[in-house]
Amino acid sequence: MENPTTRLKAHLLDAQGIERALTRMAHEILEKHRAGPSVCLVGIRSRGEILAKRLHRILAQIDGTQLPVGALDITLYRDDLSLSSSHPIVRESQIPFDVNHRKIIIVDDVFYTGRTVRAAMDALADLGRPESIELLVLVDRGHRELPIKPDYVGKNIPTSKRELIQVRLSETDGLDEVVIEEAAG
């Protein structure tokens, strides 16, 4: 996990903190929607997908709500694709439901400029016409470049542009934590 170009600045959330934030946001979803069959969770690959699955589990534990869950790969919709890699890794989106006339809650780990969410909305538009789209993020770090704002936020963390928020989840990283790192030097 050590990155020689960055140094750890602070631990923001541990496993219990992540679970508490997801549980609080699950309650907010239930209060707002009373979770009818038209509400669906769509996680942005890869950590957003994991968080969407965790939310699904938490909602089921709270009141038995079983929201449909999908995973969205936005690689080909990114406006920085040519800057990020000459050979991007594209994974398949897995949306096992019709998005038309559904209330879609996009789930992501960190909200920064808004460009990832814009790409997700473009990808969803190619699949159909949702009734509405909302955004749920574990961490909102600021620095908007687009007029997009999350509807559900686990934790607001004002950052500088030199800082990085790292979300680590047990499914991919072996532990659950959110840390802030800063460029070394």
C-alpha atoms as a PDB file:
ATOM      1  CA  MET A   1       0.000   0.000   0.000  1.00  0.00           C
ATOM      2  CA  GLU A   2       2.986   2.326   0.414  1.00  0.00           C
ATOM      3  CA  ASN A   3       3.420   4.820  -2.396  1.00  0.00           C
ATOM      4  CA  PRO A   4       6.895   6.431  -2.467  1.00  0.00           C
ATOM      5  CA  THR A   5       5.532   9.581  -4.152  1.00  0.00           C
ATOM      6  CA  THR A   6       3.043  10.329  -1.361  1.00  0.00           C
ATOM      7  CA  ARG A   7       3.045  10.407   2.414  1.00  0.00           C
ATOM      8  CA  LEU A   8       0.198   9.626   4.798  1.00  0.00           C
ATOM      9  CA  LYS A   9      -1.313  12.811   6.189  1.00  0.00           C
ATOM     10  CA  ALA A  10      -4.307  11.503   8.154  1.00  0.00           C
ATOM     11  CA  HIS A  11      -6.647   8.569   8.707  1.00  0.00           C
ATOM     12  CA  LEU A  12     -10.197   9.747   8.015  1.00  0.00           C
ATOM     13  CA  LEU A  13     -12.352   6.627   8.383  1.00  0.00           C
ATOM     14  CA  ASP A  14     -11.755   3.104   9.620  1.00  0.00           C
ATOM     15  CA  ALA A  15     -13.950   0.074   8.901  1.00  0.00           C
ATOM     16  CA  GLN A  16     -16.522   1.105  11.523  1.00  0.00           C
ATOM     17  CA  GLY A  17     -16.589   4.672  10.204  1.00  0.00           C
ATOM     18  CA  ILE A  18     -17.247   3.472   6.662  1.00  0.00           C
ATOM     19  CA  GLU A  19     -20.031   1.181   7.887  1.00  0.00           C
ATOM     20  CA  ARG A  20     -21.605   4.013   9.932  1.00  0.00           C
ATOM     21  CA  ALA A  21     -21.515   6.379   6.956  1.00  0.00           C
ATOM     22  CA  LEU A  22     -23.115   3.776   4.664  1.00  0.00           C
ATOM     23  CA  THR A  23     -25.776   2.957   7.272  1.00  0.00           C
ATOM     24  CA  ARG A  24     -26.646   6.656   7.712  1.00  0.00           C
ATOM     25  CA  MET A  25     -26.926   7.124   3.941  1.00  0.00           C
ATOM     26  CA  ALA A  26     -29.073   3.974   3.674  1.00  0.00           C
ATOM     27  CA  HIS A  27     -31.490   5.518   6.194  1.00  0.00           C
ATOM     28  CA  GLU A  28     -31.515   8.743   4.149  1.00  0.00           C
ATOM     29  CA  ILE A  29     -32.418   6.748   1.014  1.00  0.00           C
ATOM     30  CA  LEU A  30     -35.259   5.009   2.853  1.00  0.00           C
ATOM     31  CA  GLU A  31     -36.570   8.314   4.221  1.00  0.00           C
ATOM     32  CA  LYS A  32     -36.539   9.928   0.802  1.00  0.00           C
ATOM     33  CA  HIS A  33     -37.806   7.083  -1.357  1.00  0.00           C
ATOM     34  CA  ARG A  34     -39.560   4.547   0.822  1.00  0.00           C
ATOM     35  CA  ALA A  35     -37.607   2.203  -1.496  1.00  0.00           C
ATOM     36  CA  GLY A  36     -40.155   1.248  -4.078  1.00  0.00           C
ATOM     37  CA  PRO A  37     -39.314  -1.031  -6.969  1.00  0.00           C
ATOM     38  CA  SER A  38     -38.330   1.916  -9.156  1.00  0.00           C
ATOM     39  CA  VAL A  39     -35.219   2.803  -7.077  1.00  0.00           C
ATOM     40  CA  CYS A  40     -31.944   1.174  -8.192  1.00  0.00           C
ATOM     41  CA  LEU A  41     -28.309   1.401  -7.124  1.00  0.00           C
ATOM     42  CA  VAL A  42     -25.621   1.678  -9.818  1.00  0.00           C
ATOM     43  CA  GLY A  43     -22.022   1.574  -8.619  1.00  0.00           C
ATOM     44  CA  ILE A  44     -19.226   3.066 -10.688  1.00  0.00           C
ATOM     45  CA  ARG A  45     -16.516   0.446 -11.152  1.00  0.00           C
ATOM     46  CA  SER A  46     -14.680  -0.533  -9.103  1.00  0.00           C
ATOM     47  CA  ARG A  47     -15.074   0.801  -5.562  1.00  0.00           C
ATOM     48  CA  GLY A  48     -18.466   2.372  -6.257  1.00  0.00           C
ATOM     49  CA  GLU A  49     -19.694  -1.076  -7.250  1.00  0.00           C
ATOM     50  CA  ILE A  50     -18.478  -2.511  -3.941  1.00  0.00           C
ATOM     51  CA  LEU A  51     -20.117   0.305  -1.966  1.00  0.00           C
ATOM     52  CA  ALA A  52     -23.406  -0.203  -3.875  1.00  0.00           C
ATOM     53  CA  LYS A  53     -23.383  -3.886  -2.901  1.00  0.00           C
ATOM     54  CA  ARG A  54     -22.708  -2.970   0.728  1.00  0.00           C
ATOM     55  CA  LEU A  55     -25.593  -0.468   0.650  1.00  0.00           C
ATOM     56  CA  HIS A  56     -27.831  -3.184  -0.774  1.00  0.00           C
ATOM     57  CA  ARG A  57     -26.911  -5.419   2.179  1.00  0.00           C
ATOM     58  CA  ILE A  58     -27.449  -2.648   4.739  1.00  0.00           C
ATOM     59  CA  LEU A  59     -30.850  -1.696   3.274  1.00  0.00           C
ATOM     60  CA  ALA A  60     -31.922  -5.340   3.451  1.00  0.00           C
ATOM     61  CA  GLN A  61     -30.810  -5.526   7.095  1.00  0.00           C
ATOM     62  CA  ILE A  62     -32.675  -2.340   8.034  1.00  0.00           C
ATOM     63  CA  ASP A  63     -36.108  -3.207   6.652  1.00  0.00           C
ATOM     64  CA  GLY A  64     -35.841  -5.986   4.099  1.00  0.00           C
ATOM     65  CA  THR A  65     -35.593  -3.584   1.155  1.00  0.00           C
ATOM     66  CA  GLN A  66     -34.093  -5.299  -1.890  1.00  0.00           C
ATOM     67  CA  LEU A  67     -32.997  -2.636  -4.368  1.00  0.00           C
ATOM     68  CA  PRO A  68     -31.689  -3.799  -7.747  1.00  0.00           C
ATOM     69  CA  VAL A  69     -27.922  -3.257  -8.023  1.00  0.00           C
ATOM     70  CA  GLY A  70     -25.818  -2.741 -11.127  1.00  0.00           C
ATOM     71  CA  ALA A  71     -22.232  -1.876 -12.015  1.00  0.00           C
ATOM     72  CA  LEU A  72     -21.239   0.742 -14.557  1.00  0.00           C
ATOM     73  CA  ASP A  73     -17.919   0.945 -16.383  1.00  0.00           C
ATOM     74  CA  ILE A  74     -17.338   4.516 -17.536  1.00  0.00           C
ATOM     75  CA  THR A  75     -13.897   4.095 -19.114  1.00  0.00           C
ATOM     76  CA  LEU A  76     -14.947   4.960 -22.668  1.00  0.00           C
ATOM     77  CA  TYR A  77     -17.044   7.924 -21.472  1.00  0.00           C
ATOM     78  CA  ARG A  78     -14.223   9.751 -19.693  1.00  0.00           C
ATOM     79  CA  ASP A  79     -13.151  13.091 -21.159  1.00  0.00           C
ATOM     80  CA  ASP A  80      -9.549  12.408 -20.092  1.00  0.00           C
ATOM     81  CA  LEU A  81      -9.286   8.998 -21.765  1.00  0.00           C
ATOM     82  CA  SER A  82      -6.513  10.079 -24.129  1.00  0.00           C
ATOM     83  CA  LEU A  83      -4.561  11.515 -21.193  1.00  0.00           C
ATOM     84  CA  SER A  84      -4.865   8.511 -18.891  1.00  0.00           C
ATOM     85  CA  SER A  85      -3.691   5.603 -21.034  1.00  0.00           C
ATOM     86  CA  SER A  86      -3.076   4.577 -24.598  1.00  0.00           C
ATOM     87  CA  HIS A  87      -4.597   1.166 -23.792  1.00  0.00           C
ATOM     88  CA  PRO A  88      -7.436   1.647 -21.291  1.00  0.00           C
ATOM     89  CA  ILE A  89      -8.835  -1.359 -19.479  1.00  0.00           C
ATOM     90  CA  VAL A  90     -12.518  -1.582 -20.314  1.00  0.00           C
ATOM     91  CA  ARG A  91     -14.748  -3.811 -18.215  1.00  0.00           C
ATOM     92  CA  GLU A  92     -18.320  -4.634 -18.977  1.00  0.00           C
ATOM     93  CA  SER A  93     -21.126  -2.743 -17.319  1.00  0.00           C
ATOM     94  CA  GLN A  94     -23.568  -5.068 -15.593  1.00  0.00           C
ATOM     95  CA  ILE A  95     -27.010  -3.498 -15.334  1.00  0.00           C
ATOM     96  CA  PRO A  96     -29.476  -6.383 -14.827  1.00  0.00           C
ATOM     97  CA  PHE A  97     -32.543  -4.137 -15.094  1.00  0.00           C
ATOM     98  CA  ASP A  98     -34.075  -1.664 -17.512  1.00  0.00           C
ATOM     99  CA  VAL A  99     -33.004   1.874 -16.519  1.00  0.00           C
ATOM    100  CA  ASN A 100     -36.007   3.476 -18.216  1.00  0.00           C
ATOM    101  CA  HIS A 101     -38.392   5.189 -15.774  1.00  0.00           C
ATOM    102  CA  ARG A 102     -36.226   4.189 -12.796  1.00  0.00           C
ATOM    103  CA  LYS A 103     -34.827   6.351 -10.022  1.00  0.00           C
ATOM    104  CA  ILE A 104     -31.117   5.628 -10.308  1.00  0.00           C
ATOM    105  CA  ILE A 105     -28.724   6.290  -7.435  1.00  0.00           C
ATOM    106  CA  ILE A 106     -25.166   6.401  -8.756  1.00  0.00           C
ATOM    107  CA  VAL A 107     -22.697   5.246  -6.092  1.00  0.00           C
ATOM    108  CA  ASP A 108     -19.016   6.242  -6.054  1.00  0.00           C
ATOM    109  CA  ASP A 109     -16.214   6.350  -3.515  1.00  0.00           C
ATOM    110  CA  VAL A 110     -14.748   9.854  -3.903  1.00  0.00           C
ATOM    111  CA  PHE A 111     -16.355  12.929  -5.450  1.00  0.00           C
ATOM    112  CA  TYR A 112     -13.835  15.418  -6.793  1.00  0.00           C
ATOM    113  CA  THR A 113     -14.336  17.440  -9.990  1.00  0.00           C
ATOM    114  CA  GLY A 114     -17.641  15.921 -11.120  1.00  0.00           C
ATOM    115  CA  ARG A 115     -16.192  14.543 -14.352  1.00  0.00           C
ATOM    116  CA  THR A 116     -16.524  10.896 -13.322  1.00  0.00           C
ATOM    117  CA  VAL A 117     -20.194  11.417 -12.508  1.00  0.00           C
ATOM    118  CA  ARG A 118     -20.780  13.215 -15.802  1.00  0.00           C
ATOM    119  CA  ALA A 119     -19.262  10.208 -17.583  1.00  0.00           C
ATOM    120  CA  ALA A 120     -21.549   7.889 -15.581  1.00  0.00           C
ATOM    121  CA  MET A 121     -24.609   9.928 -16.551  1.00  0.00           C
ATOM    122  CA  ASP A 122     -23.558   9.730 -20.216  1.00  0.00           C
ATOM    123  CA  ALA A 123     -23.159   5.957 -19.928  1.00  0.00           C
ATOM    124  CA  LEU A 124     -26.593   5.628 -18.297  1.00  0.00           C
ATOM    125  CA  ALA A 125     -28.159   7.785 -21.019  1.00  0.00           C
ATOM    126  CA  ASP A 126     -26.889   5.292 -23.587  1.00  0.00           C
ATOM    127  CA  LEU A 127     -28.824   2.563 -21.739  1.00  0.00           C
ATOM    128  CA  GLY A 128     -32.120   4.425 -21.541  1.00  0.00           C
ATOM    129  CA  ARG A 129     -33.908   7.317 -19.900  1.00  0.00           C
ATOM    130  CA  PRO A 130     -34.064   7.133 -16.106  1.00  0.00           C
ATOM    131  CA  GLU A 131     -36.835   8.999 -14.294  1.00  0.00           C
ATOM    132  CA  SER A 132     -34.169  10.635 -12.131  1.00  0.00           C
ATOM    133  CA  ILE A 133     -30.510  10.298 -11.222  1.00  0.00           C
ATOM    134  CA  GLU A 134     -29.107  10.939  -7.754  1.00  0.00           C
ATOM    135  CA  LEU A 135     -25.544  10.672  -6.491  1.00  0.00           C
ATOM    136  CA  LEU A 136     -24.233   8.971  -3.355  1.00  0.00           C
ATOM    137  CA  VAL A 137     -20.543   9.264  -2.447  1.00  0.00           C
ATOM    138  CA  LEU A 138     -18.544   8.028   0.501  1.00  0.00           C
ATOM    139  CA  VAL A 139     -16.258  11.102   0.458  1.00  0.00           C
ATOM    140  CA  ASP A 140     -16.792  14.564  -1.036  1.00  0.00           C
ATOM    141  CA  ARG A 141     -13.428  16.325  -1.263  1.00  0.00           C
ATOM    142  CA  GLY A 142     -14.488  19.482  -3.098  1.00  0.00           C
ATOM    143  CA  HIS A 143     -12.905  21.131  -6.164  1.00  0.00           C
ATOM    144  CA  ARG A 144     -15.913  21.052  -8.531  1.00  0.00           C
ATOM    145  CA  GLU A 145     -15.315  21.649 -12.197  1.00  0.00           C
ATOM    146  CA  LEU A 146     -18.896  20.858 -13.214  1.00  0.00           C
ATOM    147  CA  PRO A 147     -22.224  21.888 -11.645  1.00  0.00           C
ATOM    148  CA  ILE A 148     -22.841  18.498 -10.027  1.00  0.00           C
ATOM    149  CA  LYS A 149     -23.525  17.960  -6.325  1.00  0.00           C
ATOM    150  CA  PRO A 150     -23.980  14.702  -4.386  1.00  0.00           C
ATOM    151  CA  ASP A 151     -27.389  13.979  -2.834  1.00  0.00           C
ATOM    152  CA  TYR A 152     -25.932  11.682  -0.148  1.00  0.00           C
ATOM    153  CA  VAL A 153     -22.468  12.192   1.360  1.00  0.00           C
ATOM    154  CA  GLY A 154     -20.714   9.946   3.860  1.00  0.00           C
ATOM    155  CA  LYS A 155     -18.079  12.511   4.824  1.00  0.00           C
ATOM    156  CA  ASN A 156     -17.113  15.967   3.568  1.00  0.00           C
ATOM    157  CA  ILE A 157     -13.345  16.428   3.549  1.00  0.00           C
ATOM    158  CA  PRO A 158     -12.044  19.785   2.279  1.00  0.00           C
ATOM    159  CA  THR A 159      -8.727  19.110   0.551  1.00  0.00           C
ATOM    160  CA  SER A 160      -6.017  20.896  -1.346  1.00  0.00           C
ATOM    161  CA  LYS A 161      -5.290  19.831  -4.893  1.00  0.00           C
ATOM    162  CA  ARG A 162      -1.942  18.397  -3.685  1.00  0.00           C
ATOM    163  CA  GLU A 163      -3.793  15.952  -1.458  1.00  0.00           C
ATOM    164  CA  LEU A 164      -5.203  12.591  -2.440  1.00  0.00           C
ATOM    165  CA  ILE A 165      -8.072  10.712  -0.827  1.00  0.00           C
ATOM    166  CA  GLN A 166      -7.492   6.956  -0.860  1.00  0.00           C
ATOM    167  CA  VAL A 167     -10.472   4.680  -0.222  1.00  0.00           C
ATOM    168  CA  ARG A 168      -9.392   1.146   0.532  1.00  0.00           C
ATOM    169  CA  LEU A 169     -11.976  -1.611   0.767  1.00  0.00           C
ATOM    170  CA  SER A 170     -11.442  -5.146   2.016  1.00  0.00           C
ATOM    171  CA  GLU A 171     -12.788  -6.671  -1.201  1.00  0.00           C
ATOM    172  CA  THR A 172      -9.970  -5.126  -3.276  1.00  0.00           C
ATOM    173  CA  ASP A 173      -7.367  -3.874  -0.816  1.00  0.00           C
ATOM    174  CA  GLY A 174      -7.553  -6.242   2.151  1.00  0.00           C
ATOM    175  CA  LEU A 175      -8.752  -3.592   4.644  1.00  0.00           C
ATOM    176  CA  ASP A 176     -11.346  -0.851   5.013  1.00  0.00           C
ATOM    177  CA  GLU A 177     -10.047   2.678   5.491  1.00  0.00           C
ATOM    178  CA  VAL A 178     -10.107   6.156   4.046  1.00  0.00           C
ATOM    179  CA  VAL A 179      -6.877   8.125   4.286  1.00  0.00           C
ATOM    180  CA  ILE A 180      -5.579  11.428   3.033  1.00  0.00           C
ATOM    181  CA  GLU A 181      -2.164  11.448   1.416  1.00  0.00           C
ATOM    182  CA  GLU A 182      -0.008  14.337   0.291  1.00  0.00           C
ATOM    183  CA  ALA A 183       2.602  14.529  -2.444  1.00  0.00           C
ATOM    184  CA  ALA A 184       6.009  13.760  -0.937  1.00  0.00           C
ATOM    185  CA  GLY A 185       8.669  16.412  -0.972  1.00  0.00           C
END
